[in-house]
Amino acid sequence: MSQQQPLSSFSNVTVEQDGDGIWVVTLNRPSKRNALDETTIEELIELFSKAPRLGARAIVLTAAGDHFCAGLDLIEHHDKDRSPADFMHVCMRWHEAFNKMEYGGVPIIAALHGAVVGGGLELASAAHIRVADQTAYFALPEGQRGLFTGGGATIRVTDLVGKARMIDMMLTGRVYQGQEAMDVGLVQYLETGSSLDKALELARNSAANLPLSNFAICSAVSHMQNMSALDAAYSEAVIAGVVNTQPAARERLDAFAKKTAARVRPNS
């Protein structure tokens, strides 16, 4: 079997890895508000395709500068004057990148700040956990720009906020921020301080889980949402049969049986 090739040297994304399998992936086009051009999408596809086989146990997705991501690079889109077929293929590459994230089996925690707009919200919604600071704001302004979402917002953002709110965001350009963004389900954590610090904390906690358990959590749940209830129940039973009998879990089960394992307690 051939060995997995290492990551390329990227131009729009930086990757930092520690010895515990925590990766920090940073969008690095701050002068463009980290807008997603074709090069960035191709780099994300490679990165999230290879990460599970290169030892990533949890990934924090963040961005340089004042904004997480302002969405599609509209200047590139304008200058290329794409045909319908050309843009369809661009969208398919976006789907490839975001599917690698959602279904890849490695926990991805997005640390959000500033603009999380359009395609930036589509990118964030492909992460498994979203953490926002007080500067983060969320919008889908496609309607005002004569566009339509092409990177999965109709699927993932609708899953987060519901159909009615999704349509409202697209029709009116409504912006969510702060506690309201938390209340409608756009984020799971809202920080008064650094979203990156909280995301790193969550990544370390997640990386302490057994990799097979994380793989199931970060891929099977999404797959099951695409199934009928009957098929999902069957799949859940099969996956539980594999995960819940893994040899690596024996030590943790022994600790629970001997009452030496940490107990689940409320936060307050």
Protein backbone atom coordinates (compact mmCIF):
# COMPACT_ATOMS: atom_id res chain seq x y z
CA MET A 1 0.00 0.00 0.00
CA SER A 2 1.40 3.41 -0.94
CA GLN A 3 1.96 5.95 1.79
CA GLN A 4 -0.29 8.98 2.01
CA GLN A 5 1.38 11.99 0.39
CA PRO A 6 2.08 14.93 2.70
CA LEU A 7 0.27 18.22 2.34
CA SER A 8 1.33 20.56 -0.40
CA SER A 9 2.74 24.00 0.29
CA PHE A 10 -0.41 26.13 0.21
CA SER A 11 -0.66 29.77 -0.81
CA ASN A 12 -4.02 30.78 0.73
CA VAL A 13 -4.21 28.46 3.74
CA THR A 14 -1.73 27.84 6.55
CA VAL A 15 -1.60 24.68 8.67
CA GLU A 16 -0.05 24.35 12.11
CA GLN A 17 0.16 20.94 13.77
CA ASP A 18 1.08 20.04 17.32
CA GLY A 19 2.26 16.71 18.67
CA ASP A 20 -1.20 15.75 19.91
CA GLY A 21 -2.90 15.79 16.52
CA ILE A 22 -4.45 19.26 16.90
CA TRP A 23 -4.33 21.16 13.62
CA VAL A 24 -4.99 24.88 13.26
CA VAL A 25 -6.04 25.69 9.70
CA THR A 26 -6.05 29.41 8.90
CA LEU A 27 -7.56 31.08 5.87
CA ASN A 28 -4.87 33.54 4.85
CA ARG A 29 -6.23 36.14 2.44
CA PRO A 30 -6.94 38.94 4.91
CA SER A 31 -6.72 41.67 2.27
CA LYS A 32 -9.63 39.93 0.49
CA ARG A 33 -11.55 39.34 3.74
CA ASN A 34 -10.61 35.69 3.16
CA ALA A 35 -12.96 35.42 0.19
CA LEU A 36 -12.96 31.98 -1.38
CA ASP A 37 -11.39 31.83 -4.82
CA GLU A 38 -10.75 28.70 -6.88
CA THR A 39 -7.25 28.24 -5.46
CA THR A 40 -8.45 28.34 -1.86
CA ILE A 41 -11.17 25.77 -2.54
CA GLU A 42 -8.66 23.40 -4.16
CA GLU A 43 -6.37 23.79 -1.15
CA LEU A 44 -9.23 23.02 1.22
CA ILE A 45 -10.11 19.89 -0.78
CA GLU A 46 -6.56 18.56 -0.51
CA LEU A 47 -6.22 19.50 3.14
CA PHE A 48 -9.46 17.92 4.34
CA SER A 49 -8.98 14.87 2.09
CA LYS A 50 -5.59 14.08 3.59
CA ALA A 51 -6.01 15.24 7.20
CA PRO A 52 -7.68 12.06 8.53
CA ARG A 53 -4.84 9.91 7.15
CA LEU A 54 -2.08 12.26 8.30
CA GLY A 55 -2.89 11.97 11.98
CA ALA A 56 -5.27 14.91 12.54
CA ARG A 57 -7.37 14.22 15.64
CA ALA A 58 -9.16 17.59 15.72
CA ILE A 59 -9.00 20.65 13.49
CA VAL A 60 -9.59 24.30 14.36
CA LEU A 61 -10.59 26.37 11.34
CA THR A 62 -9.89 30.08 11.72
CA ALA A 63 -8.87 33.05 9.59
CA ALA A 64 -6.30 35.82 9.50
CA GLY A 65 -7.33 39.46 9.79
CA ASP A 66 -10.59 41.02 10.89
CA HIS A 67 -12.98 38.64 9.14
CA PHE A 68 -13.50 34.90 8.98
CA CYS A 69 -14.72 34.79 5.38
CA ALA A 70 -16.72 37.14 3.18
CA GLY A 71 -17.79 34.33 0.85
CA LEU A 72 -17.30 33.87 -2.88
CA ASP A 73 -14.50 35.95 -4.38
CA LEU A 74 -16.80 38.20 -6.40
CA ILE A 75 -13.91 39.95 -8.15
CA GLU A 76 -12.63 36.65 -9.52
CA HIS A 77 -16.19 35.70 -10.48
CA HIS A 78 -16.72 39.03 -12.23
CA ASP A 79 -13.40 38.94 -14.08
CA LYS A 80 -13.78 35.34 -15.29
CA ASP A 81 -17.29 36.01 -16.65
CA ARG A 82 -18.10 32.32 -16.24
CA SER A 83 -20.60 30.38 -18.29
CA PRO A 84 -23.40 28.48 -16.50
CA ALA A 85 -21.48 25.23 -16.97
CA ASP A 86 -18.27 26.80 -15.66
CA PHE A 87 -19.95 28.04 -12.52
CA MET A 88 -21.74 24.73 -11.98
CA HIS A 89 -18.33 23.05 -11.83
CA VAL A 90 -17.07 25.72 -9.42
CA CYS A 91 -20.00 24.90 -7.15
CA MET A 92 -19.25 21.19 -7.38
CA ARG A 93 -15.71 21.83 -6.14
CA TRP A 94 -17.12 23.81 -3.21
CA HIS A 95 -19.36 20.85 -2.40
CA GLU A 96 -16.35 18.55 -2.61
CA ALA A 97 -14.42 20.65 -0.08
CA PHE A 98 -17.31 21.01 2.36
CA ASN A 99 -18.31 17.36 2.10
CA LYS A 100 -14.74 16.38 2.96
CA MET A 101 -15.14 18.47 6.09
CA GLU A 102 -18.56 17.28 7.20
CA TYR A 103 -18.11 13.60 6.38
CA GLY A 104 -14.35 13.22 6.91
CA GLY A 105 -14.58 11.87 10.45
CA VAL A 106 -12.24 14.39 12.12
CA PRO A 107 -13.85 16.95 14.46
CA ILE A 108 -13.69 20.44 12.93
CA ILE A 109 -14.29 23.44 15.17
CA ALA A 110 -14.71 26.80 13.42
CA ALA A 111 -13.48 29.87 15.32
CA LEU A 112 -15.52 32.73 13.90
CA HIS A 113 -15.00 36.48 13.94
CA GLY A 114 -16.05 39.39 11.78
CA ALA A 115 -17.87 38.58 8.56
CA VAL A 116 -19.23 35.04 8.21
CA VAL A 117 -21.14 35.89 5.07
CA GLY A 118 -22.42 34.04 2.01
CA GLY A 119 -19.94 31.31 1.16
CA GLY A 120 -18.20 32.03 4.44
CA LEU A 121 -21.32 30.87 6.26
CA GLU A 122 -21.48 27.83 3.97
CA LEU A 123 -17.90 27.03 4.96
CA ALA A 124 -18.61 27.52 8.66
CA SER A 125 -21.74 25.37 8.47
CA ALA A 126 -19.64 22.43 7.22
CA ALA A 127 -17.75 22.42 10.53
CA HIS A 128 -19.05 20.26 13.35
CA ILE A 129 -18.89 22.98 16.01
CA ARG A 130 -19.03 26.75 15.55
CA VAL A 131 -17.66 29.22 18.10
CA ALA A 132 -18.24 32.95 17.61
CA ASP A 133 -16.82 36.00 19.31
CA GLN A 134 -18.71 39.25 19.76
CA THR A 135 -17.56 40.65 16.39
CA ALA A 136 -18.94 37.77 14.31
CA TYR A 137 -21.95 38.44 12.10
CA PHE A 138 -23.82 36.14 9.74
CA ALA A 139 -25.65 36.86 6.51
CA LEU A 140 -26.60 35.43 3.12
CA PRO A 141 -26.71 38.53 0.87
CA GLU A 142 -26.99 36.58 -2.39
CA GLY A 143 -30.45 37.91 -3.16
CA GLN A 144 -29.28 41.53 -3.11
CA ARG A 145 -26.39 40.69 -5.44
CA GLY A 146 -28.41 38.83 -8.04
CA LEU A 147 -26.96 35.49 -6.95
CA PHE A 148 -28.05 32.21 -5.38
CA THR A 149 -26.18 30.09 -2.89
CA GLY A 150 -23.98 27.43 -4.51
CA GLY A 151 -21.94 25.95 -1.68
CA GLY A 152 -24.55 24.06 0.29
CA ALA A 153 -26.34 26.75 2.28
CA THR A 154 -29.71 25.39 1.18
CA ILE A 155 -28.72 22.16 2.93
CA ARG A 156 -26.51 23.00 5.89
CA VAL A 157 -27.66 26.49 6.88
CA THR A 158 -31.27 25.36 6.52
CA ASP A 159 -30.44 22.46 8.86
CA LEU A 160 -29.15 24.99 11.39
CA VAL A 161 -31.82 27.68 11.31
CA GLY A 162 -34.81 26.15 9.49
CA LYS A 163 -36.33 26.86 6.07
CA ALA A 164 -38.21 30.03 7.00
CA ARG A 165 -35.17 31.78 8.50
CA MET A 166 -32.98 30.64 5.61
CA ILE A 167 -35.35 32.15 3.04
CA ASP A 168 -35.66 35.33 5.12
CA MET A 169 -31.86 35.72 5.22
CA MET A 170 -31.61 35.33 1.46
CA LEU A 171 -34.57 37.54 0.56
CA THR A 172 -33.93 40.42 2.94
CA GLY A 173 -30.21 40.28 3.68
CA ARG A 174 -30.98 39.91 7.38
CA VAL A 175 -27.86 39.90 9.56
CA TYR A 176 -27.55 37.86 12.74
CA GLN A 177 -25.05 38.64 15.47
CA GLY A 178 -24.33 37.87 19.11
CA GLN A 179 -26.97 36.18 21.22
CA GLU A 180 -29.50 36.21 18.38
CA ALA A 181 -27.11 34.16 16.22
CA MET A 182 -26.74 31.76 19.12
CA ASP A 183 -30.49 31.55 19.69
CA VAL A 184 -31.33 30.66 16.07
CA GLY A 185 -28.68 27.94 15.95
CA LEU A 186 -25.95 29.45 13.81
CA VAL A 187 -23.37 28.83 16.54
CA GLN A 188 -23.10 26.58 19.57
CA TYR A 189 -20.77 28.82 21.58
CA LEU A 190 -20.67 32.60 21.97
CA GLU A 191 -17.56 34.00 23.64
CA THR A 192 -16.91 37.38 25.20
CA GLY A 193 -13.22 36.76 24.59
CA SER A 194 -11.37 34.86 21.89
CA SER A 195 -13.28 32.39 19.76
CA LEU A 196 -9.96 30.79 18.84
CA ASP A 197 -9.08 30.05 22.47
CA LYS A 198 -12.44 28.36 23.03
CA ALA A 199 -12.16 26.44 19.76
CA LEU A 200 -8.73 25.15 20.78
CA GLU A 201 -10.12 24.05 24.13
CA LEU A 202 -12.93 22.15 22.41
CA ALA A 203 -10.48 20.63 19.93
CA ARG A 204 -8.29 19.31 22.74
CA ASN A 205 -11.31 17.87 24.53
CA SER A 206 -12.50 16.20 21.32
CA ALA A 207 -9.05 14.85 20.47
CA ALA A 208 -8.99 13.03 23.80
CA ASN A 209 -11.79 10.77 22.52
CA LEU A 210 -10.97 7.54 20.74
CA PRO A 211 -10.48 8.23 17.00
CA LEU A 212 -13.02 5.60 15.96
CA SER A 213 -15.65 7.17 18.19
CA ASN A 214 -14.94 10.60 16.71
CA PHE A 215 -15.04 9.18 13.20
CA ALA A 216 -18.50 7.80 13.82
CA ILE A 217 -19.76 10.99 15.45
CA CYS A 218 -18.35 13.26 12.73
CA SER A 219 -19.50 11.22 9.74
CA ALA A 220 -22.28 8.79 10.64
CA VAL A 221 -24.67 11.37 12.08
CA SER A 222 -24.60 13.36 8.83
CA HIS A 223 -25.02 10.24 6.72
CA MET A 224 -27.97 9.14 8.85
CA GLN A 225 -29.70 12.47 8.32
CA ASN A 226 -29.82 11.59 4.62
CA MET A 227 -31.57 8.25 5.25
CA SER A 228 -35.07 7.16 6.03
CA ALA A 229 -35.73 6.63 9.73
CA LEU A 230 -35.71 2.86 9.23
CA ASP A 231 -32.40 2.85 7.36
CA ALA A 232 -30.86 5.28 9.86
CA ALA A 233 -31.85 3.07 12.78
CA TYR A 234 -30.28 0.05 11.10
CA SER A 235 -27.08 1.97 10.33
CA GLU A 236 -26.90 3.27 13.88
CA ALA A 237 -27.11 -0.26 15.25
CA VAL A 238 -24.36 -1.50 12.92
CA ILE A 239 -22.03 1.41 13.74
CA ALA A 240 -22.69 1.05 17.47
CA GLY A 241 -21.84 -2.63 17.17
CA VAL A 242 -18.43 -1.74 15.76
CA VAL A 243 -17.62 1.33 17.87
CA ASN A 244 -18.96 0.09 21.20
CA THR A 245 -16.92 -3.09 21.10
CA GLN A 246 -13.60 -1.60 19.96
CA PRO A 247 -10.66 -3.02 21.95
CA ALA A 248 -9.32 0.48 22.64
CA ALA A 249 -12.44 1.24 24.68
CA ARG A 250 -11.82 -1.59 27.16
CA GLU A 251 -9.68 0.53 29.48
CA ARG A 252 -12.32 3.26 29.56
CA LEU A 253 -15.10 0.77 30.20
CA ASP A 254 -13.05 -0.79 32.99
CA ALA A 255 -12.63 2.62 34.61
CA PHE A 256 -16.38 3.17 34.46
CA ALA A 257 -17.07 -0.25 35.95
CA LYS A 258 -14.61 0.42 38.77
CA LYS A 259 -16.11 3.90 39.37
CA THR A 260 -12.79 5.61 38.67
CA ALA A 261 -13.98 7.35 35.49
CA ALA A 262 -14.94 11.02 35.56
CA ARG A 263 -18.63 11.49 36.21
CA VAL A 264 -20.96 13.56 34.08
CA ARG A 265 -21.93 16.61 36.12
CA PRO A 266 -23.77 19.86 35.37
CA ASN A 267 -21.67 22.94 34.80
CA SER A 268 -23.05 24.75 37.83
